[in-house]
Amino acid sequence: MLFATLWQRAPLAQAQTLMFDIIILLIMLLFVLILLFVIFSAFLGYLITKVPFVPTSAEDISFIVQKLTIGKNQIFYDLGSGNGKVCFLVHKLCGAKCVGFELTWWTHLWAKIKKRCLQFSPLLRGDAQRAERLLFKNQDFFKANWREADFIYGYLFPFLMVRVEEKFLQEGKAGSIAIIRDFRFPNLKPTETFYLPKKHEIYIYKKQV
């Protein structure tokens, strides 16, 4: 009612200015709400996982795919997939089916939005099939089944590595490979170790038959 009354009383130029101001205020309000959602979900995600969102560089992902010769018929798990960067790039490089697990809402939602854009963009022909091989789950990866994974990637914190190691040994299928960045398993000896730029390390563990 207030907006209708102001619109009737004000001259056209003033009404247009008022409408413009209202639109700007609504845009600002939307921006603030999105920002609050990101901050809240990031904080809540950290409280739940105790692991902050730290992305892996594209160069390191490419190195991993090339060194381990990941193929299109294999399945790649990313433990704590964030915005889906690792999954998107691994699939782009080799065609493997990629499954990402992430508890932080905003990064999980961002990965889903990117997948949807990949699936429906008219500028990217054929990428709907690619999108079908990208799966993002808002789920605790410790509660997931790891038996179908050929490769399991984790860039986590040391206090989680005991549980990751135990689950890999219990559920990983014979011949599956754990790719662990920087913070190694406490007990298993790595099959291979790669030393990357900026003092990063990649530890490779192969599940024995």
N, C-alpha and C. Protein backbone atom coordinates (compact mmCIF):
# COMPACT_ATOMS: atom_id res chain seq x y z
N MET A 1 0.82 -1.20 0.00
CA MET A 1 0.00 0.00 0.00
C MET A 1 0.86 1.26 0.00
N LEU A 2 1.91 1.26 0.77
CA LEU A 2 2.78 2.44 0.86
C LEU A 2 3.41 2.73 -0.49
N PHE A 3 3.93 1.69 -1.16
CA PHE A 3 4.56 1.88 -2.45
C PHE A 3 3.55 2.37 -3.49
N ALA A 4 2.32 1.88 -3.44
CA ALA A 4 1.29 2.29 -4.39
C ALA A 4 0.91 3.76 -4.19
N THR A 5 0.81 4.18 -2.92
CA THR A 5 0.47 5.57 -2.62
C THR A 5 1.57 6.52 -3.10
N LEU A 6 2.81 6.17 -2.81
CA LEU A 6 3.94 7.00 -3.25
C LEU A 6 4.00 7.09 -4.76
N TRP A 7 3.71 5.95 -5.42
CA TRP A 7 3.75 5.93 -6.88
C TRP A 7 2.70 6.88 -7.47
N GLN A 8 1.49 6.96 -6.86
CA GLN A 8 0.42 7.82 -7.36
C GLN A 8 0.71 9.30 -7.13
N ARG A 9 1.33 9.63 -6.00
CA ARG A 9 1.53 11.03 -5.65
C ARG A 9 2.77 11.63 -6.29
N ALA A 10 3.78 10.85 -6.48
CA ALA A 10 5.04 11.41 -6.98
C ALA A 10 4.98 11.58 -8.48
N PRO A 11 5.64 12.57 -9.01
CA PRO A 11 5.79 12.71 -10.45
C PRO A 11 6.51 11.49 -11.02
N LEU A 12 6.42 11.34 -12.32
CA LEU A 12 6.98 10.15 -12.97
C LEU A 12 8.47 10.00 -12.69
N ALA A 13 9.23 11.10 -12.77
CA ALA A 13 10.67 11.02 -12.55
C ALA A 13 10.98 10.57 -11.13
N GLN A 14 10.24 11.11 -10.16
CA GLN A 14 10.47 10.73 -8.77
C GLN A 14 10.07 9.28 -8.53
N ALA A 15 8.99 8.85 -9.17
CA ALA A 15 8.55 7.46 -9.03
C ALA A 15 9.59 6.51 -9.59
N GLN A 16 10.18 6.86 -10.73
CA GLN A 16 11.22 6.02 -11.32
C GLN A 16 12.45 5.95 -10.43
N THR A 17 12.80 7.09 -9.84
CA THR A 17 13.93 7.12 -8.91
C THR A 17 13.66 6.26 -7.69
N LEU A 18 12.42 6.36 -7.18
CA LEU A 18 12.05 5.55 -6.03
C LEU A 18 12.11 4.06 -6.34
N MET A 19 11.60 3.69 -7.51
CA MET A 19 11.62 2.28 -7.91
C MET A 19 13.05 1.78 -8.07
N PHE A 20 13.91 2.63 -8.63
CA PHE A 20 15.33 2.27 -8.78
C PHE A 20 15.98 2.05 -7.41
N ASP A 21 15.67 2.93 -6.46
CA ASP A 21 16.23 2.80 -5.11
C ASP A 21 15.75 1.50 -4.45
N ILE A 22 14.48 1.17 -4.67
CA ILE A 22 13.94 -0.06 -4.08
C ILE A 22 14.65 -1.28 -4.65
N ILE A 23 14.88 -1.27 -5.96
CA ILE A 23 15.57 -2.39 -6.61
C ILE A 23 16.99 -2.53 -6.07
N ILE A 24 17.68 -1.40 -5.91
CA ILE A 24 19.04 -1.42 -5.36
C ILE A 24 19.04 -1.99 -3.94
N LEU A 25 18.07 -1.57 -3.14
CA LEU A 25 17.98 -2.07 -1.76
C LEU A 25 17.71 -3.58 -1.73
N LEU A 26 16.85 -4.04 -2.63
CA LEU A 26 16.55 -5.48 -2.69
C LEU A 26 17.78 -6.28 -3.11
N ILE A 27 18.54 -5.74 -4.06
CA ILE A 27 19.77 -6.40 -4.50
C ILE A 27 20.77 -6.47 -3.35
N MET A 28 20.91 -5.35 -2.62
CA MET A 28 21.82 -5.32 -1.48
C MET A 28 21.38 -6.30 -0.39
N LEU A 29 20.07 -6.37 -0.17
CA LEU A 29 19.55 -7.30 0.83
C LEU A 29 19.84 -8.74 0.42
N LEU A 30 19.65 -9.04 -0.86
CA LEU A 30 19.94 -10.39 -1.36
C LEU A 30 21.42 -10.71 -1.19
N PHE A 31 22.28 -9.75 -1.49
CA PHE A 31 23.73 -9.95 -1.33
C PHE A 31 24.09 -10.23 0.12
N VAL A 32 23.50 -9.46 1.03
CA VAL A 32 23.77 -9.65 2.46
C VAL A 32 23.31 -11.03 2.92
N LEU A 33 22.14 -11.45 2.45
CA LEU A 33 21.63 -12.77 2.83
C LEU A 33 22.52 -13.89 2.31
N ILE A 34 23.00 -13.76 1.08
CA ILE A 34 23.91 -14.76 0.52
C ILE A 34 25.21 -14.79 1.31
N LEU A 35 25.73 -13.60 1.64
CA LEU A 35 26.97 -13.51 2.41
C LEU A 35 26.81 -14.16 3.79
N LEU A 36 25.69 -13.89 4.44
CA LEU A 36 25.42 -14.49 5.75
C LEU A 36 25.31 -16.01 5.64
N PHE A 37 24.69 -16.49 4.57
CA PHE A 37 24.57 -17.94 4.35
C PHE A 37 25.95 -18.58 4.19
N VAL A 38 26.82 -17.93 3.40
CA VAL A 38 28.17 -18.45 3.18
C VAL A 38 28.95 -18.49 4.49
N ILE A 39 28.89 -17.39 5.25
CA ILE A 39 29.63 -17.31 6.52
C ILE A 39 29.11 -18.34 7.52
N PHE A 40 27.79 -18.41 7.64
CA PHE A 40 27.19 -19.35 8.60
C PHE A 40 27.50 -20.80 8.23
N SER A 41 27.33 -21.15 6.94
CA SER A 41 27.56 -22.54 6.53
C SER A 41 29.03 -22.91 6.63
N ALA A 42 29.93 -21.94 6.33
CA ALA A 42 31.36 -22.22 6.46
C ALA A 42 31.73 -22.44 7.93
N PHE A 43 31.16 -21.61 8.81
CA PHE A 43 31.44 -21.76 10.24
C PHE A 43 30.87 -23.07 10.78
N LEU A 44 29.63 -23.39 10.38
CA LEU A 44 29.01 -24.64 10.83
C LEU A 44 29.77 -25.84 10.28
N GLY A 45 30.19 -25.76 9.01
CA GLY A 45 30.97 -26.84 8.41
C GLY A 45 32.27 -27.07 9.14
N TYR A 46 32.91 -25.98 9.56
CA TYR A 46 34.16 -26.11 10.30
C TYR A 46 33.92 -26.72 11.68
N LEU A 47 32.82 -26.34 12.33
CA LEU A 47 32.50 -26.92 13.64
C LEU A 47 32.28 -28.42 13.54
N ILE A 48 31.66 -28.85 12.42
CA ILE A 48 31.35 -30.27 12.25
C ILE A 48 32.60 -31.06 11.86
N THR A 49 33.36 -30.54 10.91
CA THR A 49 34.48 -31.30 10.36
C THR A 49 35.83 -30.95 10.96
N LYS A 50 35.97 -29.74 11.52
CA LYS A 50 37.24 -29.22 12.03
C LYS A 50 38.30 -29.09 10.92
N VAL A 51 37.83 -29.06 9.66
CA VAL A 51 38.74 -28.93 8.52
C VAL A 51 38.28 -27.74 7.68
N PRO A 52 39.12 -26.71 7.48
CA PRO A 52 38.73 -25.57 6.65
C PRO A 52 38.77 -25.93 5.17
N PHE A 53 38.13 -25.09 4.37
CA PHE A 53 38.12 -25.27 2.92
C PHE A 53 39.45 -24.75 2.35
N VAL A 54 40.29 -25.67 1.87
CA VAL A 54 41.57 -25.32 1.26
C VAL A 54 41.65 -26.01 -0.09
N PRO A 55 41.58 -25.28 -1.20
CA PRO A 55 41.55 -25.92 -2.52
C PRO A 55 42.90 -26.49 -2.94
N THR A 56 42.85 -27.53 -3.77
CA THR A 56 44.04 -28.10 -4.39
C THR A 56 44.28 -27.42 -5.71
N SER A 57 45.53 -27.14 -6.05
CA SER A 57 45.83 -26.44 -7.30
C SER A 57 45.56 -27.34 -8.50
N ALA A 58 45.22 -26.71 -9.63
CA ALA A 58 44.96 -27.47 -10.86
C ALA A 58 46.20 -28.22 -11.32
N GLU A 59 47.37 -27.63 -11.12
CA GLU A 59 48.62 -28.29 -11.52
C GLU A 59 48.82 -29.59 -10.76
N ASP A 60 48.53 -29.57 -9.46
CA ASP A 60 48.69 -30.78 -8.65
C ASP A 60 47.70 -31.87 -9.05
N ILE A 61 46.48 -31.46 -9.39
CA ILE A 61 45.47 -32.43 -9.83
C ILE A 61 45.90 -33.08 -11.14
N SER A 62 46.39 -32.28 -12.07
CA SER A 62 46.86 -32.81 -13.35
C SER A 62 48.02 -33.78 -13.14
N PHE A 63 48.91 -33.44 -12.22
CA PHE A 63 50.05 -34.30 -11.92
C PHE A 63 49.56 -35.66 -11.41
N ILE A 64 48.58 -35.65 -10.51
CA ILE A 64 48.06 -36.88 -9.92
C ILE A 64 47.44 -37.76 -11.00
N VAL A 65 46.61 -37.16 -11.87
CA VAL A 65 45.93 -37.92 -12.92
C VAL A 65 46.95 -38.57 -13.86
N GLN A 66 47.98 -37.82 -14.22
CA GLN A 66 48.98 -38.34 -15.16
C GLN A 66 49.84 -39.43 -14.53
N LYS A 67 50.27 -39.20 -13.31
CA LYS A 67 51.16 -40.17 -12.65
C LYS A 67 50.46 -41.49 -12.35
N LEU A 68 49.18 -41.42 -11.98
CA LEU A 68 48.46 -42.63 -11.60
C LEU A 68 47.66 -43.22 -12.75
N THR A 69 47.72 -42.58 -13.91
CA THR A 69 47.00 -43.03 -15.11
C THR A 69 45.55 -43.41 -14.80
N ILE A 70 44.85 -42.48 -14.20
CA ILE A 70 43.43 -42.68 -13.90
C ILE A 70 42.66 -42.75 -15.22
N GLY A 71 41.80 -43.74 -15.38
CA GLY A 71 41.09 -43.94 -16.63
C GLY A 71 39.62 -43.64 -16.56
N LYS A 72 38.98 -43.58 -17.73
CA LYS A 72 37.57 -43.19 -17.81
C LYS A 72 36.63 -44.24 -17.23
N ASN A 73 37.07 -45.47 -17.12
CA ASN A 73 36.22 -46.53 -16.59
C ASN A 73 36.39 -46.72 -15.08
N GLN A 74 37.10 -45.82 -14.45
CA GLN A 74 37.36 -45.93 -13.02
C GLN A 74 36.55 -44.92 -12.23
N ILE A 75 36.48 -45.15 -10.91
CA ILE A 75 35.68 -44.29 -10.03
C ILE A 75 36.60 -43.60 -9.03
N PHE A 76 36.46 -42.29 -8.93
CA PHE A 76 37.32 -41.44 -8.11
C PHE A 76 36.48 -40.79 -7.02
N TYR A 77 36.89 -40.98 -5.75
CA TYR A 77 36.22 -40.35 -4.61
C TYR A 77 37.06 -39.19 -4.10
N ASP A 78 36.40 -38.08 -3.81
CA ASP A 78 37.07 -36.94 -3.18
C ASP A 78 36.47 -36.73 -1.80
N LEU A 79 37.27 -36.93 -0.76
CA LEU A 79 36.81 -36.81 0.62
C LEU A 79 36.93 -35.35 1.06
N GLY A 80 35.81 -34.68 1.14
CA GLY A 80 35.82 -33.25 1.42
C GLY A 80 36.02 -32.49 0.12
N SER A 81 35.01 -32.55 -0.75
CA SER A 81 35.18 -32.09 -2.14
C SER A 81 35.02 -30.59 -2.32
N GLY A 82 34.63 -29.85 -1.27
CA GLY A 82 34.54 -28.39 -1.38
C GLY A 82 33.63 -27.97 -2.52
N ASN A 83 34.14 -27.10 -3.39
CA ASN A 83 33.35 -26.60 -4.51
C ASN A 83 33.41 -27.49 -5.75
N GLY A 84 33.96 -28.70 -5.58
CA GLY A 84 33.97 -29.67 -6.67
C GLY A 84 35.14 -29.54 -7.63
N LYS A 85 36.10 -28.69 -7.33
CA LYS A 85 37.20 -28.42 -8.26
C LYS A 85 37.95 -29.68 -8.66
N VAL A 86 38.31 -30.50 -7.68
CA VAL A 86 39.08 -31.71 -7.97
C VAL A 86 38.27 -32.65 -8.85
N CYS A 87 37.00 -32.87 -8.50
CA CYS A 87 36.17 -33.78 -9.29
C CYS A 87 35.98 -33.29 -10.72
N PHE A 88 35.70 -32.02 -10.88
CA PHE A 88 35.50 -31.48 -12.23
C PHE A 88 36.75 -31.66 -13.08
N LEU A 89 37.90 -31.35 -12.51
CA LEU A 89 39.13 -31.41 -13.30
C LEU A 89 39.56 -32.85 -13.58
N VAL A 90 39.43 -33.73 -12.58
CA VAL A 90 39.78 -35.14 -12.80
C VAL A 90 38.92 -35.71 -13.92
N HIS A 91 37.63 -35.44 -13.87
CA HIS A 91 36.74 -35.95 -14.92
C HIS A 91 37.09 -35.33 -16.28
N LYS A 92 37.39 -34.06 -16.30
CA LYS A 92 37.74 -33.40 -17.56
C LYS A 92 39.01 -34.00 -18.17
N LEU A 93 39.98 -34.34 -17.32
CA LEU A 93 41.27 -34.84 -17.81
C LEU A 93 41.22 -36.29 -18.27
N CYS A 94 40.40 -37.12 -17.60
CA CYS A 94 40.45 -38.56 -17.92
C CYS A 94 39.09 -39.21 -18.11
N GLY A 95 38.01 -38.51 -17.80
CA GLY A 95 36.69 -39.08 -18.01
C GLY A 95 36.19 -39.98 -16.90
N ALA A 96 36.94 -40.11 -15.81
CA ALA A 96 36.53 -40.99 -14.71
C ALA A 96 35.24 -40.49 -14.06
N LYS A 97 34.47 -41.42 -13.53
CA LYS A 97 33.31 -41.04 -12.71
C LYS A 97 33.82 -40.52 -11.38
N CYS A 98 33.35 -39.34 -10.97
CA CYS A 98 33.85 -38.71 -9.75
C CYS A 98 32.71 -38.48 -8.77
N VAL A 99 32.98 -38.82 -7.52
CA VAL A 99 32.00 -38.65 -6.45
C VAL A 99 32.63 -37.79 -5.35
N GLY A 100 32.01 -36.66 -5.04
CA GLY A 100 32.53 -35.77 -4.01
C GLY A 100 31.65 -35.77 -2.78
N PHE A 101 32.28 -35.80 -1.61
CA PHE A 101 31.55 -35.76 -0.33
C PHE A 101 31.90 -34.46 0.38
N GLU A 102 30.89 -33.70 0.75
CA GLU A 102 31.13 -32.41 1.39
C GLU A 102 29.99 -32.08 2.34
N LEU A 103 30.32 -31.63 3.56
CA LEU A 103 29.31 -31.28 4.56
C LEU A 103 29.02 -29.78 4.61
N THR A 104 29.94 -28.95 4.16
CA THR A 104 29.71 -27.50 4.19
C THR A 104 28.73 -27.11 3.09
N TRP A 105 27.63 -26.47 3.48
CA TRP A 105 26.53 -26.24 2.55
C TRP A 105 26.92 -25.40 1.35
N TRP A 106 27.60 -24.27 1.59
CA TRP A 106 27.78 -23.33 0.48
C TRP A 106 28.72 -23.89 -0.59
N THR A 107 29.77 -24.60 -0.18
CA THR A 107 30.66 -25.16 -1.18
C THR A 107 29.99 -26.32 -1.91
N HIS A 108 29.21 -27.13 -1.18
CA HIS A 108 28.46 -28.20 -1.82
C HIS A 108 27.46 -27.64 -2.82
N LEU A 109 26.74 -26.59 -2.42
CA LEU A 109 25.76 -25.96 -3.31
C LEU A 109 26.43 -25.37 -4.54
N TRP A 110 27.60 -24.78 -4.36
CA TRP A 110 28.33 -24.21 -5.48
C TRP A 110 28.74 -25.30 -6.48
N ALA A 111 29.16 -26.45 -5.97
CA ALA A 111 29.50 -27.57 -6.85
C ALA A 111 28.27 -28.04 -7.62
N LYS A 112 27.12 -28.10 -6.96
CA LYS A 112 25.89 -28.53 -7.63
C LYS A 112 25.47 -27.53 -8.71
N ILE A 113 25.64 -26.25 -8.42
CA ILE A 113 25.30 -25.22 -9.41
C ILE A 113 26.21 -25.33 -10.62
N LYS A 114 27.51 -25.54 -10.40
CA LYS A 114 28.44 -25.70 -11.52
C LYS A 114 28.09 -26.92 -12.35
N LYS A 115 27.69 -27.99 -11.69
CA LYS A 115 27.28 -29.19 -12.42
C LYS A 115 26.05 -28.91 -13.27
N ARG A 116 25.08 -28.21 -12.70
CA ARG A 116 23.86 -27.90 -13.43
C ARG A 116 24.16 -27.00 -14.63
N CYS A 117 25.06 -26.04 -14.46
CA CYS A 117 25.46 -25.19 -15.58
C CYS A 117 26.12 -26.02 -16.68
N LEU A 118 26.96 -26.97 -16.26
CA LEU A 118 27.62 -27.86 -17.22
C LEU A 118 26.60 -28.71 -17.96
N GLN A 119 25.56 -29.10 -17.26
CA GLN A 119 24.56 -30.00 -17.83
C GLN A 119 23.65 -29.31 -18.83
N PHE A 120 23.31 -28.05 -18.58
CA PHE A 120 22.28 -27.40 -19.38
C PHE A 120 22.77 -26.25 -20.25
N SER A 121 24.04 -25.90 -20.16
CA SER A 121 24.53 -24.79 -20.96
C SER A 121 24.45 -25.11 -22.45
N PRO A 122 23.79 -24.26 -23.25
CA PRO A 122 23.69 -24.52 -24.70
C PRO A 122 25.02 -24.34 -25.40
N LEU A 123 25.98 -23.70 -24.74
CA LEU A 123 27.28 -23.46 -25.35
C LEU A 123 28.21 -24.66 -25.22
N LEU A 124 27.85 -25.64 -24.38
CA LEU A 124 28.72 -26.79 -24.11
C LEU A 124 28.03 -28.07 -24.58
N ARG A 125 28.10 -28.34 -25.85
CA ARG A 125 27.42 -29.50 -26.42
C ARG A 125 28.02 -30.80 -25.89
N GLY A 126 27.15 -31.71 -25.57
CA GLY A 126 27.59 -33.02 -25.13
C GLY A 126 27.98 -33.10 -23.68
N ASP A 127 27.99 -31.98 -22.96
CA ASP A 127 28.44 -32.00 -21.57
C ASP A 127 27.37 -32.50 -20.61
N ALA A 128 26.15 -32.71 -21.10
CA ALA A 128 25.14 -33.34 -20.25
C ALA A 128 25.57 -34.74 -19.85
N GLN A 129 26.22 -35.45 -20.78
CA GLN A 129 26.72 -36.78 -20.47
C GLN A 129 27.86 -36.70 -19.46
N ARG A 130 28.71 -35.69 -19.58
CA ARG A 130 29.78 -35.50 -18.61
C ARG A 130 29.21 -35.25 -17.23
N ALA A 131 28.18 -34.42 -17.14
CA ALA A 131 27.60 -34.07 -15.85
C ALA A 131 27.03 -35.30 -15.14
N GLU A 132 26.54 -36.28 -15.92
CA GLU A 132 25.98 -37.48 -15.32
C GLU A 132 27.04 -38.29 -14.57
N ARG A 133 28.31 -38.09 -14.91
CA ARG A 133 29.40 -38.84 -14.26
C ARG A 133 30.05 -38.02 -13.15
N LEU A 134 29.38 -36.96 -12.74
CA LEU A 134 29.82 -36.13 -11.61
C LEU A 134 28.73 -36.17 -10.55
N LEU A 135 29.06 -36.64 -9.37
CA LEU A 135 28.08 -36.77 -8.29
C LEU A 135 28.60 -36.09 -7.03
N PHE A 136 27.79 -35.21 -6.48
CA PHE A 136 28.18 -34.49 -5.26
C PHE A 136 27.17 -34.77 -4.15
N LYS A 137 27.69 -35.25 -3.01
CA LYS A 137 26.84 -35.65 -1.90
C LYS A 137 27.12 -34.79 -0.67
N ASN A 138 26.06 -34.25 -0.09
CA ASN A 138 26.16 -33.52 1.18
C ASN A 138 26.08 -34.55 2.30
N GLN A 139 27.21 -35.27 2.47
CA GLN A 139 27.23 -36.45 3.33
C GLN A 139 28.59 -36.62 3.99
N ASP A 140 28.59 -37.14 5.19
CA ASP A 140 29.82 -37.50 5.90
C ASP A 140 30.46 -38.67 5.18
N PHE A 141 31.69 -38.49 4.70
CA PHE A 141 32.31 -39.56 3.92
C PHE A 141 32.62 -40.80 4.76
N PHE A 142 32.68 -40.65 6.07
CA PHE A 142 32.88 -41.82 6.93
C PHE A 142 31.64 -42.73 6.95
N LYS A 143 30.48 -42.17 6.61
CA LYS A 143 29.25 -42.94 6.58
C LYS A 143 28.93 -43.47 5.18
N ALA A 144 29.77 -43.15 4.22
CA ALA A 144 29.57 -43.62 2.86
C ALA A 144 30.24 -44.98 2.68
N ASN A 145 29.86 -45.66 1.60
CA ASN A 145 30.47 -46.93 1.25
C ASN A 145 31.60 -46.69 0.27
N TRP A 146 32.81 -47.10 0.61
CA TRP A 146 33.98 -46.86 -0.24
C TRP A 146 34.30 -48.05 -1.14
N ARG A 147 33.47 -49.07 -1.16
CA ARG A 147 33.84 -50.32 -1.83
C ARG A 147 33.93 -50.21 -3.35
N GLU A 148 33.23 -49.24 -3.93
CA GLU A 148 33.26 -49.15 -5.39
C GLU A 148 34.37 -48.25 -5.91
N ALA A 149 35.05 -47.53 -5.02
CA ALA A 149 36.05 -46.55 -5.45
C ALA A 149 37.35 -47.22 -5.90
N ASP A 150 37.87 -46.76 -7.03
CA ASP A 150 39.20 -47.19 -7.48
C ASP A 150 40.28 -46.26 -6.90
N PHE A 151 39.93 -44.98 -6.76
CA PHE A 151 40.85 -43.98 -6.20
C PHE A 151 40.11 -43.16 -5.14
N ILE A 152 40.78 -42.93 -4.02
CA ILE A 152 40.21 -42.13 -2.94
C ILE A 152 41.20 -41.02 -2.61
N TYR A 153 40.75 -39.77 -2.81
CA TYR A 153 41.62 -38.61 -2.60
C TYR A 153 41.22 -37.88 -1.32
N GLY A 154 42.22 -37.52 -0.51
CA GLY A 154 41.94 -36.77 0.71
C GLY A 154 42.99 -35.72 0.99
N TYR A 155 42.53 -34.48 1.19
CA TYR A 155 43.39 -33.38 1.64
C TYR A 155 42.79 -32.93 2.97
N LEU A 156 43.14 -33.64 4.04
CA LEU A 156 42.49 -33.49 5.33
C LEU A 156 43.51 -33.11 6.40
N PHE A 157 43.08 -33.13 7.65
CA PHE A 157 43.97 -32.78 8.75
C PHE A 157 44.44 -34.05 9.47
N PRO A 158 45.58 -33.99 10.17
CA PRO A 158 46.17 -35.19 10.78
C PRO A 158 45.24 -35.95 11.71
N PHE A 159 44.40 -35.26 12.49
CA PHE A 159 43.57 -35.96 13.47
C PHE A 159 42.53 -36.88 12.82
N LEU A 160 42.28 -36.70 11.51
CA LEU A 160 41.32 -37.55 10.80
C LEU A 160 41.97 -38.77 10.15
N MET A 161 43.29 -38.75 10.04
CA MET A 161 43.94 -39.75 9.19
C MET A 161 43.89 -41.16 9.75
N VAL A 162 43.79 -41.31 11.07
CA VAL A 162 43.65 -42.65 11.64
C VAL A 162 42.35 -43.29 11.17
N ARG A 163 41.26 -42.54 11.23
CA ARG A 163 39.96 -43.07 10.81
C ARG A 163 39.91 -43.31 9.31
N VAL A 164 40.52 -42.41 8.53
CA VAL A 164 40.55 -42.60 7.07
C VAL A 164 41.33 -43.86 6.73
N GLU A 165 42.48 -44.05 7.40
CA GLU A 165 43.29 -45.24 7.17
C GLU A 165 42.51 -46.51 7.51
N GLU A 166 41.84 -46.51 8.64
CA GLU A 166 41.08 -47.69 9.07
C GLU A 166 39.96 -48.01 8.08
N LYS A 167 39.24 -46.98 7.63
CA LYS A 167 38.13 -47.21 6.70
C LYS A 167 38.65 -47.69 5.34
N PHE A 168 39.78 -47.15 4.92
CA PHE A 168 40.39 -47.59 3.66
C PHE A 168 40.76 -49.07 3.73
N LEU A 169 41.33 -49.49 4.84
CA LEU A 169 41.72 -50.89 5.00
C LEU A 169 40.50 -51.80 5.13
N GLN A 170 39.44 -51.32 5.76
CA GLN A 170 38.25 -52.14 5.97
C GLN A 170 37.38 -52.23 4.73
N GLU A 171 37.20 -51.11 4.02
CA GLU A 171 36.23 -51.06 2.94
C GLU A 171 36.83 -50.95 1.54
N GLY A 172 38.05 -50.47 1.44
CA GLY A 172 38.65 -50.33 0.12
C GLY A 172 38.77 -51.67 -0.58
N LYS A 173 38.40 -51.70 -1.86
CA LYS A 173 38.50 -52.97 -2.58
C LYS A 173 39.96 -53.26 -2.93
N ALA A 174 40.26 -54.51 -3.20
CA ALA A 174 41.63 -54.91 -3.53
C ALA A 174 42.12 -54.15 -4.74
N GLY A 175 43.30 -53.56 -4.62
CA GLY A 175 43.88 -52.79 -5.71
C GLY A 175 43.51 -51.33 -5.73
N SER A 176 42.58 -50.91 -4.87
CA SER A 176 42.21 -49.50 -4.83
C SER A 176 43.36 -48.67 -4.26
N ILE A 177 43.37 -47.40 -4.61
CA ILE A 177 44.49 -46.52 -4.26
C ILE A 177 43.99 -45.31 -3.48
N ALA A 178 44.63 -45.04 -2.35
CA ALA A 178 44.36 -43.83 -1.57
C ALA A 178 45.43 -42.79 -1.93
N ILE A 179 44.97 -41.60 -2.29
CA ILE A 179 45.85 -40.49 -2.63
C ILE A 179 45.73 -39.47 -1.51
N ILE A 180 46.75 -39.36 -0.69
CA ILE A 180 46.68 -38.54 0.52
C ILE A 180 47.65 -37.37 0.40
N ARG A 181 47.14 -36.17 0.55
CA ARG A 181 47.95 -34.97 0.38
C ARG A 181 48.45 -34.44 1.73
N ASP A 182 49.74 -34.28 1.84
CA ASP A 182 50.43 -33.61 2.96
C ASP A 182 50.43 -34.38 4.29
N PHE A 183 49.27 -34.89 4.72
CA PHE A 183 49.20 -35.54 6.03
C PHE A 183 48.98 -37.04 5.85
N ARG A 184 50.04 -37.81 5.99
CA ARG A 184 50.06 -39.22 5.65
C ARG A 184 49.31 -40.06 6.67
N PHE A 185 49.04 -41.32 6.28
CA PHE A 185 48.47 -42.29 7.21
C PHE A 185 49.48 -42.54 8.34
N PRO A 186 49.00 -42.72 9.57
CA PRO A 186 49.94 -42.89 10.69
C PRO A 186 50.65 -44.23 10.74
N ASN A 187 50.07 -45.28 10.12
CA ASN A 187 50.64 -46.62 10.26
C ASN A 187 51.11 -47.22 8.93
N LEU A 188 50.30 -47.12 7.91
CA LEU A 188 50.67 -47.72 6.62
C LEU A 188 51.87 -47.01 6.00
N LYS A 189 52.72 -47.79 5.36
CA LYS A 189 53.83 -47.22 4.62
C LYS A 189 53.38 -46.92 3.19
N PRO A 190 53.60 -45.71 2.71
CA PRO A 190 53.14 -45.39 1.35
C PRO A 190 53.86 -46.21 0.29
N THR A 191 53.11 -46.58 -0.74
CA THR A 191 53.69 -47.28 -1.88
C THR A 191 54.63 -46.36 -2.65
N GLU A 192 54.25 -45.09 -2.69
CA GLU A 192 55.04 -44.10 -3.42
C GLU A 192 54.78 -42.73 -2.83
N THR A 193 55.76 -41.85 -2.92
CA THR A 193 55.62 -40.48 -2.42
C THR A 193 56.08 -39.51 -3.49
N PHE A 194 55.27 -38.49 -3.76
CA PHE A 194 55.62 -37.45 -4.72
C PHE A 194 55.79 -36.13 -3.97
N TYR A 195 56.85 -35.44 -4.31
CA TYR A 195 57.14 -34.14 -3.69
C TYR A 195 56.83 -33.04 -4.71
N LEU A 196 55.85 -32.22 -4.37
CA LEU A 196 55.36 -31.21 -5.29
C LEU A 196 55.89 -29.83 -4.90
N PRO A 197 55.73 -28.84 -5.80
CA PRO A 197 56.15 -27.47 -5.46
C PRO A 197 55.40 -26.94 -4.23
N LYS A 198 55.97 -25.90 -3.64
CA LYS A 198 55.39 -25.25 -2.45
C LYS A 198 55.32 -26.19 -1.25
N LYS A 199 56.26 -27.15 -1.22
CA LYS A 199 56.43 -28.06 -0.09
C LYS A 199 55.21 -28.94 0.16
N HIS A 200 54.49 -29.29 -0.88
CA HIS A 200 53.38 -30.23 -0.75
C HIS A 200 53.87 -31.63 -1.08
N GLU A 201 53.22 -32.62 -0.45
CA GLU A 201 53.58 -34.02 -0.67
C GLU A 201 52.32 -34.83 -0.96
N ILE A 202 52.46 -35.81 -1.84
CA ILE A 202 51.37 -36.73 -2.15
C ILE A 202 51.82 -38.13 -1.78
N TYR A 203 51.06 -38.78 -0.89
CA TYR A 203 51.36 -40.14 -0.46
C TYR A 203 50.38 -41.10 -1.14
N ILE A 204 50.92 -42.14 -1.73
CA ILE A 204 50.11 -43.12 -2.46
C ILE A 204 50.09 -44.43 -1.66
N TYR A 205 48.88 -44.95 -1.43
CA TYR A 205 48.72 -46.23 -0.72
C TYR A 205 47.85 -47.14 -1.57
N LYS A 206 48.33 -48.36 -1.79
CA LYS A 206 47.58 -49.33 -2.58
C LYS A 206 47.06 -50.44 -1.68
N LYS A 207 45.76 -50.69 -1.76
CA LYS A 207 45.15 -51.75 -0.95
C LYS A 207 45.57 -53.11 -1.52
N GLN A 208 46.15 -53.90 -0.67
CA GLN A 208 46.64 -55.21 -1.10
C GLN A 208 45.48 -56.20 -1.22
N VAL A 209 45.69 -57.21 -2.03
CA VAL A 209 44.67 -58.24 -2.27
C VAL A 209 44.47 -59.05 -0.98
